[in-house]
């Protein structure tokens, strides 16, 4: 999994760097990208927090997902 993340980052980061270098926003070159990534991370963390409920709504197993019993 970590290898795949590194490979994706190796492909995505140069593209983002090129886009940010060509960006001519009134907020600067990097700030719009930092804001966009921050919002995406916030949404992802929120979804992770509700992942058990989302799984239950999508038809996951019959066990009760609201009562955490530990790992």
PDB file of N, CA and C in Angstrom:
ATOM      1  N   UNK A   1       0.824  -1.181   0.000  1.00  0.00           N
ATOM      2  CA  UNK A   1       0.000   0.000   0.000  1.00  0.00           C
ATOM      3  C   UNK A   1       0.874   1.254   0.000  1.00  0.00           C
ATOM      4  N   UNK A   2       1.915   1.242   0.823  1.00  0.00           N
ATOM      5  CA  UNK A   2       2.784   2.412   0.883  1.00  0.00           C
ATOM      6  C   UNK A   2       3.518   2.626  -0.429  1.00  0.00           C
ATOM      7  N   UNK A   3       3.866   1.545  -1.086  1.00  0.00           N
ATOM      8  CA  UNK A   3       4.552   1.656  -2.376  1.00  0.00           C
ATOM      9  C   UNK A   3       3.632   2.317  -3.411  1.00  0.00           C
ATOM     10  N   UNK A   4       2.368   1.912  -3.386  1.00  0.00           N
ATOM     11  CA  UNK A   4       1.406   2.489  -4.314  1.00  0.00           C
ATOM     12  C   UNK A   4       1.230   3.981  -4.037  1.00  0.00           C
ATOM     13  N   UNK A   5       1.169   4.365  -2.750  1.00  0.00           N
ATOM     14  CA  UNK A   5       1.041   5.781  -2.410  1.00  0.00           C
ATOM     15  C   UNK A   5       2.237   6.577  -2.907  1.00  0.00           C
ATOM     16  N   UNK A   6       3.423   6.009  -2.763  1.00  0.00           N
ATOM     17  CA  UNK A   6       4.630   6.694  -3.238  1.00  0.00           C
ATOM     18  C   UNK A   6       4.610   6.848  -4.751  1.00  0.00           C
ATOM     19  N   UNK A   7       4.127   5.827  -5.438  1.00  0.00           N
ATOM     20  CA  UNK A   7       4.070   5.900  -6.902  1.00  0.00           C
ATOM     21  C   UNK A   7       3.057   6.951  -7.349  1.00  0.00           C
ATOM     22  N   UNK A   8       1.908   7.019  -6.671  1.00  0.00           N
ATOM     23  CA  UNK A   8       0.909   8.035  -7.017  1.00  0.00           C
ATOM     24  C   UNK A   8       1.463   9.423  -6.729  1.00  0.00           C
ATOM     25  N   UNK A   9       2.110   9.585  -5.570  1.00  0.00           N
ATOM     26  CA  UNK A   9       2.682  10.888  -5.229  1.00  0.00           C
ATOM     27  C   UNK A   9       3.756  11.297  -6.238  1.00  0.00           C
ATOM     28  N   UNK A  10       4.553  10.345  -6.698  1.00  0.00           N
ATOM     29  CA  UNK A  10       5.599  10.656  -7.674  1.00  0.00           C
ATOM     30  C   UNK A  10       5.000  11.141  -8.987  1.00  0.00           C
ATOM     31  N   UNK A  11       3.782  10.728  -9.309  1.00  0.00           N
ATOM     32  CA  UNK A  11       3.139  11.181 -10.531  1.00  0.00           C
ATOM     33  C   UNK A  11       2.323  12.449 -10.350  1.00  0.00           C
ATOM     34  N   UNK A  12       1.695  12.595  -9.180  1.00  0.00           N
ATOM     35  CA  UNK A  12       0.788  13.724  -8.953  1.00  0.00           C
ATOM     36  C   UNK A  12       1.543  14.985  -8.543  1.00  0.00           C
ATOM     37  N   UNK A  13       2.512  14.848  -7.674  1.00  0.00           N
ATOM     38  CA  UNK A  13       3.198  16.036  -7.150  1.00  0.00           C
ATOM     39  C   UNK A  13       3.866  16.888  -8.228  1.00  0.00           C
ATOM     40  N   UNK A  14       4.552  16.310  -9.208  1.00  0.00           N
ATOM     41  CA  UNK A  14       5.108  17.177 -10.264  1.00  0.00           C
ATOM     42  C   UNK A  14       4.032  17.939 -11.037  1.00  0.00           C
ATOM     43  N   UNK A  15       2.895  17.302 -11.268  1.00  0.00           N
ATOM     44  CA  UNK A  15       1.801  17.994 -11.971  1.00  0.00           C
ATOM     45  C   UNK A  15       1.275  19.160 -11.144  1.00  0.00           C
ATOM     46  N   UNK A  16       1.093  18.935  -9.841  1.00  0.00           N
ATOM     47  CA  UNK A  16       0.605  20.008  -8.971  1.00  0.00           C
ATOM     48  C   UNK A  16       1.632  21.132  -8.898  1.00  0.00           C
ATOM     49  N   UNK A  17       2.894  20.789  -8.861  1.00  0.00           N
ATOM     50  CA  UNK A  17       3.933  21.830  -8.837  1.00  0.00           C
ATOM     51  C   UNK A  17       3.892  22.680 -10.096  1.00  0.00           C
ATOM     52  N   UNK A  18       3.722  22.036 -11.235  1.00  0.00           N
ATOM     53  CA  UNK A  18       3.654  22.779 -12.495  1.00  0.00           C
ATOM     54  C   UNK A  18       2.429  23.687 -12.515  1.00  0.00           C
ATOM     55  N   UNK A  19       1.269  23.142 -12.080  1.00  0.00           N
ATOM     56  CA  UNK A  19       0.043  23.955 -12.051  1.00  0.00           C
ATOM     57  C   UNK A  19       0.189  25.131 -11.101  1.00  0.00           C
ATOM     58  N   UNK A  20       0.793  24.885  -9.941  1.00  0.00           N
ATOM     59  CA  UNK A  20       0.912  25.975  -8.974  1.00  0.00           C
ATOM     60  C   UNK A  20       1.925  27.024  -9.445  1.00  0.00           C
ATOM     61  N   UNK A  21       2.951  26.609 -10.164  1.00  0.00           N
ATOM     62  CA  UNK A  21       3.907  27.578 -10.688  1.00  0.00           C
ATOM     63  C   UNK A  21       3.277  28.470 -11.757  1.00  0.00           C
ATOM     64  N   UNK A  22       2.320  27.942 -12.493  1.00  0.00           N
ATOM     65  CA  UNK A  22       1.646  28.717 -13.542  1.00  0.00           C
ATOM     66  C   UNK A  22       0.425  29.477 -13.028  1.00  0.00           C
ATOM     67  N   UNK A  23       0.062  29.255 -11.770  1.00  0.00           N
ATOM     68  CA  UNK A  23      -1.121  29.901 -11.198  1.00  0.00           C
ATOM     69  C   UNK A  23      -0.851  31.389 -10.974  1.00  0.00           C
ATOM     70  N   UNK A  24      -1.784  32.222 -11.357  1.00  0.00           N
ATOM     71  CA  UNK A  24      -1.622  33.664 -11.164  1.00  0.00           C
ATOM     72  C   UNK A  24      -2.803  34.231 -10.381  1.00  0.00           C
ATOM     73  N   UNK A  25      -3.131  33.560  -9.290  1.00  0.00           N
ATOM     74  CA  UNK A  25      -4.239  33.989  -8.445  1.00  0.00           C
ATOM     75  C   UNK A  25      -3.843  35.211  -7.634  1.00  0.00           C
ATOM     76  N   UNK A  26      -4.825  35.986  -7.238  1.00  0.00           N
ATOM     77  CA  UNK A  26      -4.523  37.147  -6.402  1.00  0.00           C
ATOM     78  C   UNK A  26      -4.119  36.730  -4.992  1.00  0.00           C
ATOM     79  N   UNK A  27      -4.351  35.452  -4.650  1.00  0.00           N
ATOM     80  CA  UNK A  27      -3.974  34.930  -3.336  1.00  0.00           C
ATOM     81  C   UNK A  27      -2.581  34.306  -3.347  1.00  0.00           C
ATOM     82  N   UNK A  28      -1.935  34.314  -4.456  1.00  0.00           N
ATOM     83  CA  UNK A  28      -0.595  33.750  -4.564  1.00  0.00           C
ATOM     84  C   UNK A  28      -0.604  32.462  -5.364  1.00  0.00           C
ATOM     85  N   UNK A  29       0.552  31.854  -5.466  1.00  0.00           N
ATOM     86  CA  UNK A  29       0.676  30.639  -6.263  1.00  0.00           C
ATOM     87  C   UNK A  29       0.293  29.396  -5.487  1.00  0.00           C
ATOM     88  N   UNK A  30       0.639  29.334  -4.211  1.00  0.00           N
ATOM     89  CA  UNK A  30       0.460  28.100  -3.439  1.00  0.00           C
ATOM     90  C   UNK A  30      -0.823  28.076  -2.623  1.00  0.00           C
ATOM     91  N   UNK A  31      -1.299  29.210  -2.168  1.00  0.00           N
ATOM     92  CA  UNK A  31      -2.438  29.244  -1.248  1.00  0.00           C
ATOM     93  C   UNK A  31      -3.706  28.597  -1.802  1.00  0.00           C
ATOM     94  N   UNK A  32      -4.089  28.796  -3.059  1.00  0.00           N
ATOM     95  CA  UNK A  32      -5.298  28.112  -3.552  1.00  0.00           C
ATOM     96  C   UNK A  32      -5.168  26.588  -3.502  1.00  0.00           C
ATOM     97  N   UNK A  33      -3.986  26.086  -3.755  1.00  0.00           N
ATOM     98  CA  UNK A  33      -3.780  24.643  -3.717  1.00  0.00           C
ATOM     99  C   UNK A  33      -3.788  24.126  -2.284  1.00  0.00           C
ATOM    100  N   UNK A  34      -3.203  24.882  -1.372  1.00  0.00           N
ATOM    101  CA  UNK A  34      -3.229  24.493   0.034  1.00  0.00           C
ATOM    102  C   UNK A  34      -4.666  24.472   0.537  1.00  0.00           C
ATOM    103  N   UNK A  35      -5.464  25.443   0.161  1.00  0.00           N
ATOM    104  CA  UNK A  35      -6.866  25.493   0.572  1.00  0.00           C
ATOM    105  C   UNK A  35      -7.644  24.312  -0.005  1.00  0.00           C
ATOM    106  N   UNK A  36      -7.450  24.021  -1.276  1.00  0.00           N
ATOM    107  CA  UNK A  36      -8.178  22.925  -1.915  1.00  0.00           C
ATOM    108  C   UNK A  36      -7.821  21.585  -1.275  1.00  0.00           C
ATOM    109  N   UNK A  37      -6.544  21.352  -1.036  1.00  0.00           N
ATOM    110  CA  UNK A  37      -6.123  20.090  -0.425  1.00  0.00           C
ATOM    111  C   UNK A  37      -6.627  20.004   1.013  1.00  0.00           C
ATOM    112  N   UNK A  38      -6.624  21.110   1.735  1.00  0.00           N
ATOM    113  CA  UNK A  38      -7.126  21.112   3.111  1.00  0.00           C
ATOM    114  C   UNK A  38      -8.607  20.752   3.150  1.00  0.00           C
ATOM    115  N   UNK A  39      -9.379  21.291   2.220  1.00  0.00           N
ATOM    116  CA  UNK A  39     -10.805  20.963   2.168  1.00  0.00           C
ATOM    117  C   UNK A  39     -11.031  19.489   1.820  1.00  0.00           C
ATOM    118  N   UNK A  40     -10.245  18.963   0.878  1.00  0.00           N
ATOM    119  CA  UNK A  40     -10.385  17.551   0.517  1.00  0.00           C
ATOM    120  C   UNK A  40     -10.030  16.639   1.687  1.00  0.00           C
ATOM    121  N   UNK A  41      -8.990  16.994   2.429  1.00  0.00           N
ATOM    122  CA  UNK A  41      -8.604  16.189   3.591  1.00  0.00           C
ATOM    123  C   UNK A  41      -9.685  16.260   4.666  1.00  0.00           C
ATOM    124  N   UNK A  42     -10.273  17.426   4.875  1.00  0.00           N
ATOM    125  CA  UNK A  42     -11.342  17.562   5.867  1.00  0.00           C
ATOM    126  C   UNK A  42     -12.542  16.688   5.513  1.00  0.00           C
ATOM    127  N   UNK A  43     -12.912  16.674   4.252  1.00  0.00           N
ATOM    128  CA  UNK A  43     -14.026  15.830   3.809  1.00  0.00           C
ATOM    129  C   UNK A  43     -13.677  14.354   3.979  1.00  0.00           C
ATOM    130  N   UNK A  44     -12.455  13.973   3.635  1.00  0.00           N
ATOM    131  CA  UNK A  44     -12.044  12.575   3.758  1.00  0.00           C
ATOM    132  C   UNK A  44     -12.050  12.118   5.211  1.00  0.00           C
ATOM    133  N   UNK A  45     -11.554  12.948   6.121  1.00  0.00           N
ATOM    134  CA  UNK A  45     -11.530  12.589   7.533  1.00  0.00           C
ATOM    135  C   UNK A  45     -12.953  12.476   8.081  1.00  0.00           C
ATOM    136  N   UNK A  46     -13.842  13.349   7.646  1.00  0.00           N
ATOM    137  CA  UNK A  46     -15.241  13.262   8.069  1.00  0.00           C
ATOM    138  C   UNK A  46     -15.874  11.974   7.574  1.00  0.00           C
ATOM    139  N   UNK A  47     -15.616  11.602   6.338  1.00  0.00           N
ATOM    140  CA  UNK A  47     -16.158  10.355   5.788  1.00  0.00           C
ATOM    141  C   UNK A  47     -15.603   9.153   6.545  1.00  0.00           C
ATOM    142  N   UNK A  48     -14.321   9.186   6.889  1.00  0.00           N
ATOM    143  CA  UNK A  48     -13.734   8.084   7.654  1.00  0.00           C
ATOM    144  C   UNK A  48     -14.421   7.961   9.008  1.00  0.00           C
ATOM    145  N   UNK A  49     -14.745   9.077   9.618  1.00  0.00           N
ATOM    146  CA  UNK A  49     -15.427   9.051  10.910  1.00  0.00           C
ATOM    147  C   UNK A  49     -16.794   8.398  10.842  1.00  0.00           C
ATOM    148  N   UNK A  50     -17.466   8.513   9.727  1.00  0.00           N
ATOM    149  CA  UNK A  50     -18.791   7.927   9.558  1.00  0.00           C
ATOM    150  C   UNK A  50     -18.769   6.657   8.703  1.00  0.00           C
ATOM    151  N   UNK A  51     -17.608   6.056   8.541  1.00  0.00           N
ATOM    152  CA  UNK A  51     -17.492   4.916   7.632  1.00  0.00           C
ATOM    153  C   UNK A  51     -18.326   3.715   8.070  1.00  0.00           C
ATOM    154  N   UNK A  52     -18.432   3.457   9.358  1.00  0.00           N
ATOM    155  CA  UNK A  52     -19.251   2.329   9.821  1.00  0.00           C
ATOM    156  C   UNK A  52     -20.719   2.561   9.491  1.00  0.00           C
ATOM    157  N   UNK A  53     -21.199   3.777   9.717  1.00  0.00           N
ATOM    158  CA  UNK A  53     -22.596   4.085   9.399  1.00  0.00           C
ATOM    159  C   UNK A  53     -22.847   4.040   7.899  1.00  0.00           C
ATOM    160  N   UNK A  54     -21.905   4.532   7.125  1.00  0.00           N
ATOM    161  CA  UNK A  54     -22.048   4.491   5.662  1.00  0.00           C
ATOM    162  C   UNK A  54     -22.074   3.044   5.182  1.00  0.00           C
ATOM    163  N   UNK A  55     -21.187   2.227   5.733  1.00  0.00           N
ATOM    164  CA  UNK A  55     -21.186   0.809   5.379  1.00  0.00           C
ATOM    165  C   UNK A  55     -22.488   0.130   5.729  1.00  0.00           C
ATOM    166  N   UNK A  56     -23.044   0.456   6.888  1.00  0.00           N
ATOM    167  CA  UNK A  56     -24.324  -0.125   7.296  1.00  0.00           C
ATOM    168  C   UNK A  56     -25.437   0.294   6.343  1.00  0.00           C
ATOM    169  N   UNK A  57     -25.443   1.567   5.950  1.00  0.00           N
ATOM    170  CA  UNK A  57     -26.470   2.051   5.021  1.00  0.00           C
ATOM    171  C   UNK A  57     -26.337   1.416   3.637  1.00  0.00           C
ATOM    172  N   UNK A  58     -25.121   1.050   3.267  1.00  0.00           N
ATOM    173  CA  UNK A  58     -24.893   0.436   1.957  1.00  0.00           C
ATOM    174  C   UNK A  58     -25.059  -1.081   1.980  1.00  0.00           C
ATOM    175  N   UNK A  59     -25.503  -1.624   3.131  1.00  0.00           N
ATOM    176  CA  UNK A  59     -25.810  -3.048   3.188  1.00  0.00           C
ATOM    177  C   UNK A  59     -24.711  -3.909   3.756  1.00  0.00           C
ATOM    178  N   UNK A  60     -23.878  -3.350   4.615  1.00  0.00           N
ATOM    179  CA  UNK A  60     -22.830  -4.128   5.254  1.00  0.00           C
ATOM    180  C   UNK A  60     -23.454  -5.204   6.153  1.00  0.00           C
ATOM    181  N   UNK A  61     -22.652  -6.008   6.801  1.00  0.00           N
ATOM    182  CA  UNK A  61     -23.117  -7.139   7.614  1.00  0.00           C
ATOM    183  C   UNK A  61     -24.169  -6.710   8.629  1.00  0.00           C
ATOM    184  N   UNK A  62     -24.847  -7.687   9.209  1.00  0.00           N
ATOM    185  CA  UNK A  62     -25.953  -7.426  10.122  1.00  0.00           C
ATOM    186  C   UNK A  62     -25.520  -7.000  11.516  1.00  0.00           C
ATOM    187  N   UNK A  63     -24.239  -7.005  11.814  1.00  0.00           N
ATOM    188  CA  UNK A  63     -23.795  -6.630  13.151  1.00  0.00           C
ATOM    189  C   UNK A  63     -24.045  -5.154  13.408  1.00  0.00           C
ATOM    190  N   UNK A  64     -24.174  -4.808  14.671  1.00  0.00           N
ATOM    191  CA  UNK A  64     -24.460  -3.431  15.057  1.00  0.00           C
ATOM    192  C   UNK A  64     -23.177  -2.611  14.982  1.00  0.00           C
ATOM    193  N   UNK A  65     -23.131  -1.616  14.094  1.00  0.00           N
ATOM    194  CA  UNK A  65     -21.920  -0.821  13.895  1.00  0.00           C
ATOM    195  C   UNK A  65     -21.837   0.361  14.842  1.00  0.00           C
ATOM    196  N   UNK A  66     -22.869   0.633  15.566  1.00  0.00           N
ATOM    197  CA  UNK A  66     -22.864   1.810  16.434  1.00  0.00           C
ATOM    198  C   UNK A  66     -22.184   1.540  17.774  1.00  0.00           C
ATOM    199  N   UNK A  67     -22.025   0.276  18.148  1.00  0.00           N
ATOM    200  CA  UNK A  67     -21.376  -0.054  19.411  1.00  0.00           C
ATOM    201  C   UNK A  67     -19.974  -0.588  19.140  1.00  0.00           C
ATOM    202  N   UNK A  68     -18.975   0.243  19.396  1.00  0.00           N
ATOM    203  CA  UNK A  68     -17.591  -0.137  19.167  1.00  0.00           C
ATOM    204  C   UNK A  68     -17.135  -1.071  20.276  1.00  0.00           C
ATOM    205  N   UNK A  69     -16.639  -2.244  19.928  1.00  0.00           N
ATOM    206  CA  UNK A  69     -16.223  -3.220  20.927  1.00  0.00           C
ATOM    207  C   UNK A  69     -14.722  -3.393  20.979  1.00  0.00           C
ATOM    208  N   UNK A  70     -13.977  -2.548  20.339  1.00  0.00           N
ATOM    209  CA  UNK A  70     -12.515  -2.631  20.356  1.00  0.00           C
ATOM    210  C   UNK A  70     -11.977  -3.456  19.205  1.00  0.00           C
ATOM    211  N   UNK A  71     -10.661  -3.542  19.126  1.00  0.00           N
ATOM    212  CA  UNK A  71     -10.046  -4.249  18.011  1.00  0.00           C
ATOM    213  C   UNK A  71      -9.756  -5.685  18.310  1.00  0.00           C
TER     214      UNK A  71
END
